[in-house]
PDB file of all heavy atoms in Angstrom:
ATOM      1  N   ARG A   1       0.843  -1.212  -0.007  1.00  0.00           N
ATOM      2  CA  ARG A   1       0.007   0.001   0.006  1.00  0.00           C
ATOM      3  C   ARG A   1       0.891   1.268   0.005  1.00  0.00           C
ATOM      4  O   ARG A   1       0.573   2.261  -0.698  1.00  0.00           O
ATOM      5  CB  ARG A   1      -0.942  -0.019   1.196  1.00  0.00           C
ATOM      6  CG  ARG A   1      -1.924   1.152   1.206  1.00  0.00           C
ATOM      7  CD  ARG A   1      -3.045   0.913   2.195  1.00  0.00           C
ATOM      8  NE  ARG A   1      -2.564   0.788   3.571  1.00  0.00           N
ATOM      9  CZ  ARG A   1      -2.553  -0.349   4.242  1.00  0.00           C
ATOM     10  NH1 ARG A   1      -3.020  -1.474   3.695  1.00  0.00           N
ATOM     11  NH2 ARG A   1      -2.118  -0.391   5.486  1.00  0.00           N
ATOM     12  N   ILE A   2       1.959   1.219   0.766  1.00  0.00           N
ATOM     13  CA  ILE A   2       2.892   2.347   0.754  1.00  0.00           C
ATOM     14  C   ILE A   2       3.476   2.566  -0.637  1.00  0.00           C
ATOM     15  O   ILE A   2       3.568   3.701  -1.134  1.00  0.00           O
ATOM     16  CB  ILE A   2       4.035   2.070   1.771  1.00  0.00           C
ATOM     17  CG1 ILE A   2       3.467   2.129   3.201  1.00  0.00           C
ATOM     18  CG2 ILE A   2       5.182   3.068   1.607  1.00  0.00           C
ATOM     19  CD1 ILE A   2       4.466   1.624   4.245  1.00  0.00           C
ATOM     20  N   ARG A   3       3.817   1.484  -1.305  1.00  0.00           N
ATOM     21  CA  ARG A   3       4.335   1.607  -2.696  1.00  0.00           C
ATOM     22  C   ARG A   3       3.293   2.205  -3.618  1.00  0.00           C
ATOM     23  O   ARG A   3       3.612   3.064  -4.439  1.00  0.00           O
ATOM     24  CB  ARG A   3       4.735   0.199  -3.221  1.00  0.00           C
ATOM     25  CG  ARG A   3       6.047  -0.308  -2.684  1.00  0.00           C
ATOM     26  CD  ARG A   3       6.246  -1.800  -2.988  1.00  0.00           C
ATOM     27  NE  ARG A   3       5.981  -2.151  -4.377  1.00  0.00           N
ATOM     28  CZ  ARG A   3       6.868  -2.051  -5.372  1.00  0.00           C
ATOM     29  NH1 ARG A   3       8.076  -1.569  -5.128  1.00  0.00           N
ATOM     30  NH2 ARG A   3       6.549  -2.427  -6.581  1.00  0.00           N
ATOM     31  N   ARG A   4       2.093   1.754  -3.477  1.00  0.00           N
ATOM     32  CA  ARG A   4       1.022   2.239  -4.362  1.00  0.00           C
ATOM     33  C   ARG A   4       0.684   3.694  -4.123  1.00  0.00           C
ATOM     34  O   ARG A   4       0.381   4.429  -5.069  1.00  0.00           O
ATOM     35  CB  ARG A   4      -0.223   1.364  -4.139  1.00  0.00           C
ATOM     36  CG  ARG A   4      -1.368   1.675  -5.125  1.00  0.00           C
ATOM     37  CD  ARG A   4      -2.505   0.673  -4.946  1.00  0.00           C
ATOM     38  NE  ARG A   4      -3.086   0.729  -3.617  1.00  0.00           N
ATOM     39  CZ  ARG A   4      -2.974  -0.257  -2.716  1.00  0.00           C
ATOM     40  NH1 ARG A   4      -2.275  -1.333  -3.019  1.00  0.00           N
ATOM     41  NH2 ARG A   4      -3.531  -0.149  -1.542  1.00  0.00           N
ATOM     42  N   ASP A   5       0.785   4.139  -2.868  1.00  0.00           N
ATOM     43  CA  ASP A   5       0.390   5.505  -2.516  1.00  0.00           C
ATOM     44  C   ASP A   5       1.497   6.552  -2.701  1.00  0.00           C
ATOM     45  O   ASP A   5       1.234   7.756  -2.573  1.00  0.00           O
ATOM     46  CB  ASP A   5      -0.080   5.575  -1.070  1.00  0.00           C
ATOM     47  CG  ASP A   5      -1.378   4.788  -0.853  1.00  0.00           C
ATOM     48  OD1 ASP A   5      -2.055   4.446  -1.848  1.00  0.00           O
ATOM     49  OD2 ASP A   5      -1.701   4.491   0.305  1.00  0.00           O
ATOM     50  N   ASN A   6       2.725   6.105  -2.969  1.00  0.00           N
ATOM     51  CA  ASN A   6       3.849   7.059  -2.987  1.00  0.00           C
ATOM     52  C   ASN A   6       4.619   6.952  -4.321  1.00  0.00           C
ATOM     53  O   ASN A   6       5.371   6.004  -4.534  1.00  0.00           O
ATOM     54  CB  ASN A   6       4.783   6.779  -1.839  1.00  0.00           C
ATOM     55  CG  ASN A   6       4.165   7.195  -0.503  1.00  0.00           C
ATOM     56  OD1 ASN A   6       4.207   8.352  -0.115  1.00  0.00           O
ATOM     57  ND2 ASN A   6       3.556   6.214   0.177  1.00  0.00           N
ATOM     58  N   PRO A   7       4.409   7.932  -5.206  1.00  0.00           N
ATOM     59  CA  PRO A   7       5.075   7.893  -6.522  1.00  0.00           C
ATOM     60  C   PRO A   7       6.582   7.795  -6.447  1.00  0.00           C
ATOM     61  O   PRO A   7       7.199   7.277  -7.395  1.00  0.00           O
ATOM     62  CB  PRO A   7       4.629   9.212  -7.167  1.00  0.00           C
ATOM     63  CG  PRO A   7       3.372   9.611  -6.454  1.00  0.00           C
ATOM     64  CD  PRO A   7       3.536   9.094  -5.071  1.00  0.00           C
ATOM     65  N   ALA A   8       7.186   8.268  -5.356  1.00  0.00           N
ATOM     66  CA  ALA A   8       8.641   8.208  -5.249  1.00  0.00           C
ATOM     67  C   ALA A   8       9.142   6.762  -5.374  1.00  0.00           C
ATOM     68  O   ALA A   8      10.262   6.550  -5.863  1.00  0.00           O
ATOM     69  CB  ALA A   8       9.080   8.821  -3.941  1.00  0.00           C
ATOM     70  N   LEU A   9       8.366   5.807  -4.909  1.00  0.00           N
ATOM     71  CA  LEU A   9       8.795   4.405  -4.915  1.00  0.00           C
ATOM     72  C   LEU A   9       8.518   3.688  -6.228  1.00  0.00           C
ATOM     73  O   LEU A   9       8.796   2.503  -6.367  1.00  0.00           O
ATOM     74  CB  LEU A   9       8.138   3.648  -3.761  1.00  0.00           C
ATOM     75  CG  LEU A   9       8.507   4.149  -2.362  1.00  0.00           C
ATOM     76  CD1 LEU A   9       7.701   3.366  -1.300  1.00  0.00           C
ATOM     77  CD2 LEU A   9       9.990   4.006  -2.092  1.00  0.00           C
ATOM     78  N   GLN A  10       7.951   4.411  -7.185  1.00  0.00           N
ATOM     79  CA  GLN A  10       7.525   3.794  -8.425  1.00  0.00           C
ATOM     80  C   GLN A  10       8.500   3.955  -9.590  1.00  0.00           C
ATOM     81  O   GLN A  10       8.195   3.683 -10.744  1.00  0.00           O
ATOM     82  CB  GLN A  10       6.146   4.329  -8.796  1.00  0.00           C
ATOM     83  CG  GLN A  10       5.076   3.975  -7.758  1.00  0.00           C
ATOM     84  CD  GLN A  10       3.761   4.642  -7.967  1.00  0.00           C
ATOM     85  OE1 GLN A  10       3.471   5.196  -9.037  1.00  0.00           O
ATOM     86  NE2 GLN A  10       2.914   4.626  -6.943  1.00  0.00           N
ATOM     87  N   SER A  11       9.697   4.438  -9.253  1.00  0.00           N
ATOM     88  CA  SER A  11      10.780   4.491 -10.235  1.00  0.00           C
ATOM     89  C   SER A  11      12.090   4.370  -9.486  1.00  0.00           C
ATOM     90  O   SER A  11      12.118   4.387  -8.250  1.00  0.00           O
ATOM     91  CB  SER A  11      10.727   5.797 -11.050  1.00  0.00           C
ATOM     92  OG  SER A  11      10.902   6.903 -10.182  1.00  0.00           O
ATOM     93  N   ASN A  12      13.193   4.249 -10.213  1.00  0.00           N
ATOM     94  CA  ASN A  12      14.496   3.980  -9.584  1.00  0.00           C
ATOM     95  C   ASN A  12      15.517   5.084  -9.765  1.00  0.00           C
ATOM     96  O   ASN A  12      16.542   5.095  -9.061  1.00  0.00           O
ATOM     97  CB  ASN A  12      15.070   2.674 -10.159  1.00  0.00           C
ATOM     98  CG  ASN A  12      14.222   1.458  -9.831  1.00  0.00           C
ATOM     99  OD1 ASN A  12      13.654   1.376  -8.764  1.00  0.00           O
ATOM    100  ND2 ASN A  12      14.151   0.515 -10.772  1.00  0.00           N
ATOM    101  N   ASP A  13      15.318   6.002 -10.706  1.00  0.00           N
ATOM    102  CA  ASP A  13      16.383   6.891 -11.089  1.00  0.00           C
ATOM    103  C   ASP A  13      16.760   7.910 -10.008  1.00  0.00           C
ATOM    104  O   ASP A  13      17.833   8.499 -10.026  1.00  0.00           O
ATOM    105  CB  ASP A  13      16.078   7.596 -12.388  1.00  0.00           C
ATOM    106  CG  ASP A  13      14.721   8.310 -12.375  1.00  0.00           C
ATOM    107  OD1 ASP A  13      14.008   8.189 -11.384  1.00  0.00           O
ATOM    108  OD2 ASP A  13      14.421   8.995 -13.381  1.00  0.00           O
ATOM    109  N   SER A  14      15.865   8.126  -9.016  1.00  0.00           N
ATOM    110  CA  SER A  14      16.178   9.090  -7.969  1.00  0.00           C
ATOM    111  C   SER A  14      16.842   8.493  -6.738  1.00  0.00           C
ATOM    112  O   SER A  14      17.079   9.184  -5.759  1.00  0.00           O
ATOM    113  CB  SER A  14      14.884   9.829  -7.548  1.00  0.00           C
ATOM    114  OG  SER A  14      13.995   8.938  -6.899  1.00  0.00           O
ATOM    115  N   LEU A  15      17.076   7.186  -6.753  1.00  0.00           N
ATOM    116  CA  LEU A  15      17.623   6.508  -5.565  1.00  0.00           C
ATOM    117  C   LEU A  15      18.956   7.108  -5.149  1.00  0.00           C
ATOM    118  O   LEU A  15      19.885   7.221  -5.932  1.00  0.00           O
ATOM    119  CB  LEU A  15      17.783   5.009  -5.851  1.00  0.00           C
ATOM    120  CG  LEU A  15      18.389   4.170  -4.735  1.00  0.00           C
ATOM    121  CD1 LEU A  15      17.449   4.126  -3.519  1.00  0.00           C
ATOM    122  CD2 LEU A  15      18.647   2.738  -5.218  1.00  0.00           C
ATOM    123  N   ARG A  16      19.056   7.485  -3.860  1.00  0.00           N
ATOM    124  CA  ARG A  16      20.301   7.992  -3.281  1.00  0.00           C
ATOM    125  C   ARG A  16      20.506   7.409  -1.917  1.00  0.00           C
ATOM    126  O   ARG A  16      19.545   7.304  -1.120  1.00  0.00           O
ATOM    127  CB  ARG A  16      20.259   9.530  -3.173  1.00  0.00           C
ATOM    128  CG  ARG A  16      20.181  10.277  -4.512  1.00  0.00           C
ATOM    129  CD  ARG A  16      21.438  10.106  -5.342  1.00  0.00           C
ATOM    130  NE  ARG A  16      21.369  10.892  -6.571  1.00  0.00           N
ATOM    131  CZ  ARG A  16      20.779  10.492  -7.712  1.00  0.00           C
ATOM    132  NH1 ARG A  16      20.173   9.297  -7.754  1.00  0.00           N
ATOM    133  NH2 ARG A  16      20.762  11.276  -8.761  1.00  0.00           N
ATOM    134  N   PHE A  17      21.743   7.045  -1.591  1.00  0.00           N
ATOM    135  CA  PHE A  17      22.067   6.498  -0.287  1.00  0.00           C
ATOM    136  C   PHE A  17      22.682   7.582   0.581  1.00  0.00           C
ATOM    137  O   PHE A  17      23.356   8.488   0.087  1.00  0.00           O
ATOM    138  CB  PHE A  17      23.040   5.299  -0.443  1.00  0.00           C
ATOM    139  CG  PHE A  17      22.406   4.107  -1.061  1.00  0.00           C
ATOM    140  CD1 PHE A  17      22.373   3.951  -2.444  1.00  0.00           C
ATOM    141  CD2 PHE A  17      21.856   3.103  -0.267  1.00  0.00           C
ATOM    142  CE1 PHE A  17      21.806   2.830  -3.011  1.00  0.00           C
ATOM    143  CE2 PHE A  17      21.255   2.000  -0.832  1.00  0.00           C
ATOM    144  CZ  PHE A  17      21.237   1.855  -2.221  1.00  0.00           C
ATOM    145  N   PHE A  18      22.482   7.444   1.915  1.00  0.00           N
ATOM    146  CA  PHE A  18      23.010   8.417   2.847  1.00  0.00           C
ATOM    147  C   PHE A  18      23.820   7.715   3.930  1.00  0.00           C
ATOM    148  O   PHE A  18      23.497   6.593   4.326  1.00  0.00           O
ATOM    149  CB  PHE A  18      21.852   9.226   3.482  1.00  0.00           C
ATOM    150  CG  PHE A  18      21.042   9.979   2.474  1.00  0.00           C
ATOM    151  CD1 PHE A  18      19.790   9.494   2.080  1.00  0.00           C
ATOM    152  CD2 PHE A  18      21.530  11.136   1.922  1.00  0.00           C
ATOM    153  CE1 PHE A  18      19.042  10.160   1.165  1.00  0.00           C
ATOM    154  CE2 PHE A  18      20.760  11.826   0.983  1.00  0.00           C
ATOM    155  CZ  PHE A  18      19.529  11.351   0.588  1.00  0.00           C
ATOM    156  N   PRO A  19      24.845   8.386   4.437  1.00  0.00           N
ATOM    157  CA  PRO A  19      25.728   7.734   5.406  1.00  0.00           C
ATOM    158  C   PRO A  19      25.099   7.647   6.808  1.00  0.00           C
ATOM    159  O   PRO A  19      24.329   8.504   7.231  1.00  0.00           O
ATOM    160  CB  PRO A  19      26.951   8.652   5.431  1.00  0.00           C
ATOM    161  CG  PRO A  19      26.444   9.964   4.976  1.00  0.00           C
ATOM    162  CD  PRO A  19      25.346   9.723   4.011  1.00  0.00           C
ATOM    163  N   THR A  20      25.402   6.572   7.478  1.00  0.00           N
ATOM    164  CA  THR A  20      25.148   6.418   8.898  1.00  0.00           C
ATOM    165  C   THR A  20      26.448   5.995   9.579  1.00  0.00           C
ATOM    166  O   THR A  20      27.354   5.478   8.909  1.00  0.00           O
ATOM    167  CB  THR A  20      24.058   5.360   9.202  1.00  0.00           C
ATOM    168  OG1 THR A  20      24.586   4.051   8.885  1.00  0.00           O
ATOM    169  CG2 THR A  20      22.808   5.611   8.374  1.00  0.00           C
ATOM    170  N   ASP A  21      26.540   6.192  10.875  1.00  0.00           N
ATOM    171  CA  ASP A  21      27.771   5.804  11.576  1.00  0.00           C
ATOM    172  C   ASP A  21      27.722   4.395  12.122  1.00  0.00           C
ATOM    173  O   ASP A  21      28.544   3.995  12.933  1.00  0.00           O
ATOM    174  CB  ASP A  21      28.088   6.826  12.684  1.00  0.00           C
ATOM    175  CG  ASP A  21      27.001   6.868  13.757  1.00  0.00           C
ATOM    176  OD1 ASP A  21      26.009   6.138  13.627  1.00  0.00           O
ATOM    177  OD2 ASP A  21      27.155   7.651  14.725  1.00  0.00           O
ATOM    178  N   ASN A  22      26.767   3.595  11.623  1.00  0.00           N
ATOM    179  CA  ASN A  22      26.603   2.192  12.061  1.00  0.00           C
ATOM    180  C   ASN A  22      26.446   1.351  10.792  1.00  0.00           C
ATOM    181  O   ASN A  22      25.500   1.549  10.022  1.00  0.00           O
ATOM    182  CB  ASN A  22      25.407   2.062  12.975  1.00  0.00           C
ATOM    183  CG  ASN A  22      25.243   0.640  13.511  1.00  0.00           C
ATOM    184  OD1 ASN A  22      25.735  -0.318  12.947  1.00  0.00           O
ATOM    185  ND2 ASN A  22      24.486   0.517  14.611  1.00  0.00           N
ATOM    186  N   GLU A  23      27.363   0.414  10.569  1.00  0.00           N
ATOM    187  CA  GLU A  23      27.329  -0.413   9.375  1.00  0.00           C
ATOM    188  C   GLU A  23      26.079  -1.266   9.268  1.00  0.00           C
ATOM    189  O   GLU A  23      25.743  -1.750   8.196  1.00  0.00           O
ATOM    190  CB  GLU A  23      28.583  -1.327   9.309  1.00  0.00           C
ATOM    191  CG  GLU A  23      29.871  -0.603   8.925  1.00  0.00           C
ATOM    192  CD  GLU A  23      29.836  -0.165   7.467  1.00  0.00           C
ATOM    193  OE1 GLU A  23      29.343  -0.911   6.609  1.00  0.00           O
ATOM    194  OE2 GLU A  23      30.351   0.925   7.175  1.00  0.00           O
ATOM    195  N   GLN A  24      25.385  -1.500  10.379  1.00  0.00           N
ATOM    196  CA  GLN A  24      24.195  -2.319  10.360  1.00  0.00           C
ATOM    197  C   GLN A  24      22.931  -1.533   9.955  1.00  0.00           C
ATOM    198  O   GLN A  24      21.861  -2.119   9.826  1.00  0.00           O
ATOM    199  CB  GLN A  24      23.980  -2.955  11.733  1.00  0.00           C
ATOM    200  CG  GLN A  24      25.051  -3.949  12.143  1.00  0.00           C
ATOM    201  CD  GLN A  24      25.129  -5.131  11.183  1.00  0.00           C
ATOM    202  OE1 GLN A  24      24.124  -5.546  10.613  1.00  0.00           O
ATOM    203  NE2 GLN A  24      26.318  -5.698  11.052  1.00  0.00           N
ATOM    204  N   LEU A  25      23.067  -0.232   9.771  1.00  0.00           N
ATOM    205  CA  LEU A  25      21.949   0.620   9.346  1.00  0.00           C
ATOM    206  C   LEU A  25      22.207   1.081   7.908  1.00  0.00           C
ATOM    207  O   LEU A  25      23.262   1.682   7.623  1.00  0.00           O
ATOM    208  CB  LEU A  25      21.768   1.815  10.244  1.00  0.00           C
ATOM    209  CG  LEU A  25      21.409   1.556  11.714  1.00  0.00           C
ATOM    210  CD1 LEU A  25      21.321   2.860  12.490  1.00  0.00           C
ATOM    211  CD2 LEU A  25      20.072   0.800  11.806  1.00  0.00           C
ATOM    212  N   ILE A  26      21.266   0.850   7.042  1.00  0.00           N
ATOM    213  CA  ILE A  26      21.343   1.332   5.677  1.00  0.00           C
ATOM    214  C   ILE A  26      20.219   2.308   5.457  1.00  0.00           C
ATOM    215  O   ILE A  26      19.071   2.105   5.855  1.00  0.00           O
ATOM    216  CB  ILE A  26      21.273   0.186   4.627  1.00  0.00           C
ATOM    217  CG1 ILE A  26      21.501   0.753   3.210  1.00  0.00           C
ATOM    218  CG2 ILE A  26      19.982  -0.623   4.716  1.00  0.00           C
ATOM    219  CD1 ILE A  26      21.690  -0.359   2.148  1.00  0.00           C
ATOM    220  N   ALA A  27      20.542   3.485   4.846  1.00  0.00           N
ATOM    221  CA  ALA A  27      19.599   4.547   4.643  1.00  0.00           C
ATOM    222  C   ALA A  27      19.610   5.021   3.205  1.00  0.00           C
ATOM    223  O   ALA A  27      20.704   5.175   2.625  1.00  0.00           O
ATOM    224  CB  ALA A  27      19.866   5.721   5.578  1.00  0.00           C
ATOM    225  N   TYR A  28      18.443   5.216   2.629  1.00  0.00           N
ATOM    226  CA  TYR A  28      18.383   5.686   1.239  1.00  0.00           C
ATOM    227  C   TYR A  28      17.017   6.360   1.030  1.00  0.00           C
ATOM    228  O   TYR A  28      16.079   6.171   1.810  1.00  0.00           O
ATOM    229  CB  TYR A  28      18.554   4.507   0.263  1.00  0.00           C
ATOM    230  CG  TYR A  28      17.686   3.326   0.577  1.00  0.00           C
ATOM    231  CD1 TYR A  28      16.427   3.177  -0.013  1.00  0.00           C
ATOM    232  CD2 TYR A  28      18.129   2.313   1.400  1.00  0.00           C
ATOM    233  CE1 TYR A  28      15.625   2.069   0.243  1.00  0.00           C
ATOM    234  CE2 TYR A  28      17.319   1.204   1.689  1.00  0.00           C
ATOM    235  CZ  TYR A  28      16.098   1.091   1.100  1.00  0.00           C
ATOM    236  OH  TYR A  28      15.284   0.005   1.370  1.00  0.00           O
ATOM    237  N   ALA A  29      16.962   7.125  -0.027  1.00  0.00           N
ATOM    238  CA  ALA A  29      15.722   7.873  -0.306  1.00  0.00           C
ATOM    239  C   ALA A  29      15.421   7.876  -1.794  1.00  0.00           C
ATOM    240  O   ALA A  29      16.307   7.698  -2.623  1.00  0.00           O
ATOM    241  CB  ALA A  29      15.837   9.315   0.196  1.00  0.00           C
ATOM    242  N   LYS A  30      14.131   8.080  -2.084  1.00  0.00           N
ATOM    243  CA  LYS A  30      13.666   8.271  -3.443  1.00  0.00           C
ATOM    244  C   LYS A  30      12.734   9.520  -3.438  1.00  0.00           C
ATOM    245  O   LYS A  30      12.049   9.769  -2.463  1.00  0.00           O
ATOM    246  CB  LYS A  30      12.915   7.051  -3.976  1.00  0.00           C
ATOM    247  CG  LYS A  30      13.783   5.860  -4.282  1.00  0.00           C
ATOM    248  CD  LYS A  30      12.950   4.727  -4.878  1.00  0.00           C
ATOM    249  CE  LYS A  30      13.839   3.578  -5.343  1.00  0.00           C
ATOM    250  NZ  LYS A  30      13.018   2.517  -5.975  1.00  0.00           N
ATOM    251  N   ARG A  31      12.754  10.179  -4.583  1.00  0.00           N
ATOM    252  CA  ARG A  31      11.953  11.398  -4.728  1.00  0.00           C
ATOM    253  C   ARG A  31      11.187  11.378  -6.036  1.00  0.00           C
ATOM    254  O   ARG A  31      11.744  10.963  -7.061  1.00  0.00           O
ATOM    255  CB  ARG A  31      12.873  12.628  -4.685  1.00  0.00           C
ATOM    256  CG  ARG A  31      12.203  13.970  -4.642  1.00  0.00           C
ATOM    257  CD  ARG A  31      13.280  15.053  -4.631  1.00  0.00           C
ATOM    258  NE  ARG A  31      12.710  16.389  -4.594  1.00  0.00           N
ATOM    259  CZ  ARG A  31      13.395  17.521  -4.762  1.00  0.00           C
ATOM    260  NH1 ARG A  31      14.724  17.431  -4.873  1.00  0.00           N
ATOM    261  NH2 ARG A  31      12.800  18.687  -4.739  1.00  0.00           N
ATOM    262  N   SER A  32       9.929  11.733  -6.028  1.00  0.00           N
ATOM    263  CA  SER A  32       9.121  11.719  -7.237  1.00  0.00           C
ATOM    264  C   SER A  32       9.634  12.759  -8.213  1.00  0.00           C
ATOM    265  O   SER A  32      10.336  13.699  -7.855  1.00  0.00           O
ATOM    266  CB  SER A  32       7.645  11.976  -6.905  1.00  0.00           C
ATOM    267  OG  SER A  32       7.469  13.259  -6.337  1.00  0.00           O
ATOM    268  N   ALA A  33       9.249  12.627  -9.494  1.00  0.00           N
ATOM    269  CA  ALA A  33       9.732  13.498 -10.534  1.00  0.00           C
ATOM    270  C   ALA A  33       9.349  14.959 -10.248  1.00  0.00           C
ATOM    271  O   ALA A  33      10.124  15.893 -10.578  1.00  0.00           O
ATOM    272  CB  ALA A  33       9.175  13.060 -11.887  1.00  0.00           C
ATOM    273  N   ASP A  34       8.177  15.189  -9.669  1.00  0.00           N
ATOM    274  CA  ASP A  34       7.772  16.571  -9.391  1.00  0.00           C
ATOM    275  C   ASP A  34       8.310  17.089  -8.090  1.00  0.00           C
ATOM    276  O   ASP A  34       8.093  18.244  -7.715  1.00  0.00           O
ATOM    277  CB  ASP A  34       6.227  16.711  -9.402  1.00  0.00           C
ATOM    278  CG  ASP A  34       5.548  15.823  -8.376  1.00  0.00           C
ATOM    279  OD1 ASP A  34       6.238  15.265  -7.486  1.00  0.00           O
ATOM    280  OD2 ASP A  34       4.318  15.687  -8.436  1.00  0.00           O
ATOM    281  N   GLY A  35       9.036  16.264  -7.346  1.00  0.00           N
ATOM    282  CA  GLY A  35       9.667  16.655  -6.075  1.00  0.00           C
ATOM    283  C   GLY A  35       8.723  16.699  -4.886  1.00  0.00           C
ATOM    284  O   GLY A  35       9.151  16.934  -3.767  1.00  0.00           O
ATOM    285  N   ASP A  36       7.447  16.412  -5.075  1.00  0.00           N
ATOM    286  CA  ASP A  36       6.465  16.554  -3.983  1.00  0.00           C
ATOM    287  C   ASP A  36       6.460  15.368  -3.045  1.00  0.00           C
ATOM    288  O   ASP A  36       5.987  15.503  -1.900  1.00  0.00           O
ATOM    289  CB  ASP A  36       5.077  16.751  -4.551  1.00  0.00           C
ATOM    290  CG  ASP A  36       4.897  18.120  -5.205  1.00  0.00           C
ATOM    291  OD1 ASP A  36       5.718  19.023  -4.907  1.00  0.00           O
ATOM    292  OD2 ASP A  36       3.943  18.313  -5.983  1.00  0.00           O
ATOM    293  N   ASN A  37       6.900  14.230  -3.493  1.00  0.00           N
ATOM    294  CA  ASN A  37       6.837  13.023  -2.692  1.00  0.00           C
ATOM    295  C   ASN A  37       8.263  12.503  -2.415  1.00  0.00           C
ATOM    296  O   ASN A  37       8.991  12.202  -3.370  1.00  0.00           O
ATOM    297  CB  ASN A  37       6.010  11.947  -3.394  1.00  0.00           C
ATOM    298  CG  ASN A  37       5.779  10.713  -2.557  1.00  0.00           C
ATOM    299  OD1 ASN A  37       6.104   9.607  -2.964  1.00  0.00           O
ATOM    300  ND2 ASN A  37       5.217  10.852  -1.374  1.00  0.00           N
ATOM    301  N   VAL A  38       8.644  12.444  -1.148  1.00  0.00           N
ATOM    302  CA  VAL A  38      10.002  12.001  -0.761  1.00  0.00           C
ATOM    303  C   VAL A  38       9.848  10.917   0.276  1.00  0.00           C
ATOM    304  O   VAL A  38       9.169  11.049   1.292  1.00  0.00           O
ATOM    305  CB  VAL A  38      10.824  13.168  -0.177  1.00  0.00           C
ATOM    306  CG1 VAL A  38      12.228  12.693   0.177  1.00  0.00           C
ATOM    307  CG2 VAL A  38      10.889  14.338  -1.146  1.00  0.00           C
ATOM    308  N   ILE A  39      10.475   9.751  -0.033  1.00  0.00           N
ATOM    309  CA  ILE A  39      10.423   8.602   0.879  1.00  0.00           C
ATOM    310  C   ILE A  39      11.868   8.269   1.295  1.00  0.00           C
ATOM    311  O   ILE A  39      12.728   8.011   0.460  1.00  0.00           O
ATOM    312  CB  ILE A  39       9.772   7.371   0.219  1.00  0.00           C
ATOM    313  CG1 ILE A  39       8.343   7.687  -0.146  1.00  0.00           C
ATOM    314  CG2 ILE A  39       9.872   6.152   1.139  1.00  0.00           C
ATOM    315  CD1 ILE A  39       7.415   7.910   1.030  1.00  0.00           C
ATOM    316  N   LEU A  40      12.063   8.266   2.607  1.00  0.00           N
ATOM    317  CA  LEU A  40      13.361   7.905   3.185  1.00  0.00           C
ATOM    318  C   LEU A  40      13.196   6.559   3.923  1.00  0.00           C
ATOM    319  O   LEU A  40      12.328   6.466   4.796  1.00  0.00           O
ATOM    320  CB  LEU A  40      13.828   8.978   4.175  1.00  0.00           C
ATOM    321  CG  LEU A  40      15.029   8.637   5.056  1.00  0.00           C
ATOM    322  CD1 LEU A  40      16.299   8.505   4.226  1.00  0.00           C
ATOM    323  CD2 LEU A  40      15.207   9.694   6.135  1.00  0.00           C
ATOM    324  N   THR A  41      14.000   5.582   3.589  1.00  0.00           N
ATOM    325  CA  THR A  41      13.941   4.264   4.208  1.00  0.00           C
ATOM    326  C   THR A  41      15.230   3.997   4.989  1.00  0.00           C
ATOM    327  O   THR A  41      16.316   4.285   4.504  1.00  0.00           O
ATOM    328  CB  THR A  41      13.771   3.169   3.152  1.00  0.00           C
ATOM    329  OG1 THR A  41      12.608   3.459   2.362  1.00  0.00           O
ATOM    330  CG2 THR A  41      13.599   1.804   3.780  1.00  0.00           C
TER     331      THR A  41
END
């Protein structure tokens, strides 16, 4: 349902990873083409 409701997750070209100070935590985000929808995982 989250995927269906958030256009940011419906493509791959905006995928960006962000640093954390713990190797066991992975963080990344996607942003919709219009910039209005941003999902950070």
